[in-house]
């Protein structure tokens, strides 16, 4: 999901009132976690998400979840690290979905050739007649 550009649709994505107002302390903890991670893995560099450093969001999330309720040796809560990893995983899922949708739209995806390209299942499960689901070889994102 990308932030809509249509004014009416944007009103249905209440970032401030639906997230920031609900979780100000938790988001501050995740922001501090992000800064601590950047200082550890990219010392002296501006705050940024260096995706080459770690890509095992769900494994890391699970490791920190096992220690939820406690504070790590650097003073960052394990629960803040869980939240950061959950957000990182969700961001990557959404980016992958948007890329797949763009590939379908602009013709870069051909189900006969690109057998391993995973296209998100954005249609109802009973949608067997549309062009996208007729080809049994088409990989689907539901496992």
Protein backbone atom coordinates (compact mmCIF):
# COMPACT_ATOMS: atom_id res chain seq x y z
CA UNK A 1 0.00 0.00 0.00
CA UNK A 2 1.31 3.39 -0.94
CA UNK A 3 -0.08 6.64 0.39
CA UNK A 4 -2.91 7.52 -2.02
CA UNK A 5 -2.63 10.67 -4.10
CA UNK A 6 -6.40 11.25 -4.28
CA UNK A 7 -7.51 13.69 -1.56
CA UNK A 8 -10.57 11.65 -0.53
CA UNK A 9 -8.61 8.41 -0.36
CA UNK A 10 -5.86 10.07 1.69
CA UNK A 11 -8.43 10.90 4.38
CA UNK A 12 -8.90 7.13 4.84
CA UNK A 13 -5.26 6.76 5.91
CA UNK A 14 -5.19 8.61 9.25
CA UNK A 15 -1.48 8.48 9.99
CA UNK A 16 -1.60 11.09 12.76
CA UNK A 17 -4.91 10.28 14.44
CA UNK A 18 -4.79 6.54 13.71
CA UNK A 19 -1.16 5.80 14.60
CA UNK A 20 0.89 8.71 15.97
CA UNK A 21 -1.76 9.74 18.54
CA UNK A 22 -2.34 6.12 19.60
CA UNK A 23 1.28 5.15 20.14
CA UNK A 24 3.44 8.23 20.85
CA UNK A 25 5.62 6.52 23.48
CA UNK A 26 6.01 3.31 21.50
CA UNK A 27 6.94 5.20 18.34
CA UNK A 28 9.47 7.27 20.28
CA UNK A 29 10.99 3.99 21.54
CA UNK A 30 11.14 2.62 17.98
CA UNK A 31 12.76 5.86 16.78
CA UNK A 32 15.39 5.59 19.54
CA UNK A 33 15.92 1.94 18.54
CA UNK A 34 16.41 3.03 14.94
CA UNK A 35 18.99 5.63 15.96
CA UNK A 36 20.84 3.15 18.19
CA UNK A 37 20.94 0.62 15.35
CA UNK A 38 22.25 3.23 12.93
CA UNK A 39 24.93 4.33 15.43
CA UNK A 40 25.96 0.69 15.90
CA UNK A 41 25.97 -0.43 12.25
CA UNK A 42 26.74 2.87 10.48
CA UNK A 43 28.82 4.92 12.92
CA UNK A 44 29.28 8.52 11.88
CA UNK A 45 26.76 8.30 9.03
CA UNK A 46 23.39 10.05 8.85
CA UNK A 47 20.38 8.07 9.99
CA UNK A 48 19.34 5.68 7.23
CA UNK A 49 18.13 2.11 6.78
CA UNK A 50 21.06 0.16 5.38
CA UNK A 51 19.20 -2.85 4.02
CA UNK A 52 22.42 -4.67 3.19
CA UNK A 53 23.25 -5.09 6.90
CA UNK A 54 20.43 -7.48 7.86
CA UNK A 55 17.55 -9.01 5.99
CA UNK A 56 16.30 -11.57 8.46
CA UNK A 57 13.52 -9.43 9.93
CA UNK A 58 11.32 -12.31 11.10
CA UNK A 59 14.14 -14.29 12.68
CA UNK A 60 15.48 -11.19 14.43
CA UNK A 61 11.96 -10.25 15.48
CA UNK A 62 11.47 -13.71 17.00
CA UNK A 63 14.79 -13.54 18.85
CA UNK A 64 13.85 -10.18 20.38
CA UNK A 65 10.31 -11.38 21.08
CA UNK A 66 11.77 -14.13 23.24
CA UNK A 67 13.18 -11.34 25.44
CA UNK A 68 10.15 -9.02 25.31
CA UNK A 69 9.66 -7.10 28.51
CA UNK A 70 13.39 -6.73 29.10
CA UNK A 71 16.00 -4.19 28.10
CA UNK A 72 18.98 -5.05 25.90
CA UNK A 73 22.57 -4.34 26.98
CA UNK A 74 22.56 -1.00 25.14
CA UNK A 75 19.44 0.25 26.95
CA UNK A 76 17.00 -0.41 24.10
CA UNK A 77 13.90 -2.45 24.89
CA UNK A 78 13.63 -5.75 23.09
CA UNK A 79 9.97 -4.90 22.42
CA UNK A 80 11.09 -1.76 20.54
CA UNK A 81 13.33 -3.97 18.43
CA UNK A 82 10.38 -6.30 17.80
CA UNK A 83 8.31 -3.33 16.60
CA UNK A 84 11.15 -2.04 14.39
CA UNK A 85 11.62 -5.47 12.79
CA UNK A 86 7.85 -5.86 12.31
CA UNK A 87 7.72 -2.48 10.55
CA UNK A 88 10.74 -3.39 8.42
CA UNK A 89 9.13 -6.67 7.39
CA UNK A 90 5.82 -4.99 6.58
CA UNK A 91 7.57 -2.28 4.56
CA UNK A 92 9.38 -4.89 2.48
CA UNK A 93 6.16 -6.88 1.94
CA UNK A 94 4.32 -3.78 0.76
CA UNK A 95 7.19 -2.70 -1.49
CA UNK A 96 7.28 -6.17 -3.06
CA UNK A 97 3.53 -6.10 -3.61
CA UNK A 98 3.67 -2.63 -5.21
CA UNK A 99 6.53 -3.73 -7.46
CA UNK A 100 4.61 -6.83 -8.53
CA UNK A 101 1.53 -4.74 -9.31
CA UNK A 102 3.67 -2.33 -11.35
CA UNK A 103 5.26 -5.25 -13.20
CA UNK A 104 1.84 -6.60 -14.12
CA UNK A 105 0.64 -3.17 -15.20
CA UNK A 106 3.61 -2.29 -17.38
CA UNK A 107 4.03 -5.75 -18.89
CA UNK A 108 7.34 -6.73 -17.27
CA UNK A 109 5.78 -9.88 -15.82
CA UNK A 110 5.02 -12.85 -18.05
CA UNK A 111 3.70 -15.90 -16.14
CA UNK A 112 4.94 -18.27 -18.87
CA UNK A 113 8.53 -17.03 -18.50
CA UNK A 114 8.83 -15.65 -14.98
CA UNK A 115 7.85 -18.81 -13.07
CA UNK A 116 9.45 -17.69 -9.78
CA UNK A 117 8.08 -14.15 -9.75
CA UNK A 118 5.62 -14.00 -6.84
CA UNK A 119 2.58 -11.93 -7.60
CA UNK A 120 0.37 -10.98 -4.67
CA UNK A 121 -3.06 -12.55 -4.68
CA UNK A 122 -5.16 -9.40 -4.79
CA UNK A 123 -8.27 -11.11 -6.12
CA UNK A 124 -10.84 -13.22 -4.25
CA UNK A 125 -9.97 -16.90 -3.89
CA UNK A 126 -12.85 -17.89 -6.18
CA UNK A 127 -11.59 -15.71 -9.02
CA UNK A 128 -10.61 -18.55 -11.39
CA UNK A 129 -11.81 -17.05 -14.64
CA UNK A 130 -9.64 -13.93 -14.81
CA UNK A 131 -6.55 -14.05 -17.02
CA UNK A 132 -4.26 -13.91 -14.01
CA UNK A 133 -5.50 -17.15 -12.41
CA UNK A 134 -6.27 -19.27 -15.49
CA UNK A 135 -2.63 -20.31 -15.85
CA UNK A 136 -1.97 -22.95 -13.19
CA UNK A 137 1.78 -22.26 -13.42
CA UNK A 138 1.29 -18.73 -12.14
CA UNK A 139 2.86 -18.55 -8.68
CA UNK A 140 0.59 -17.10 -6.03
CA UNK A 141 1.60 -15.39 -2.82
CA UNK A 142 -0.67 -17.44 -0.56
CA UNK A 143 1.30 -20.34 0.84
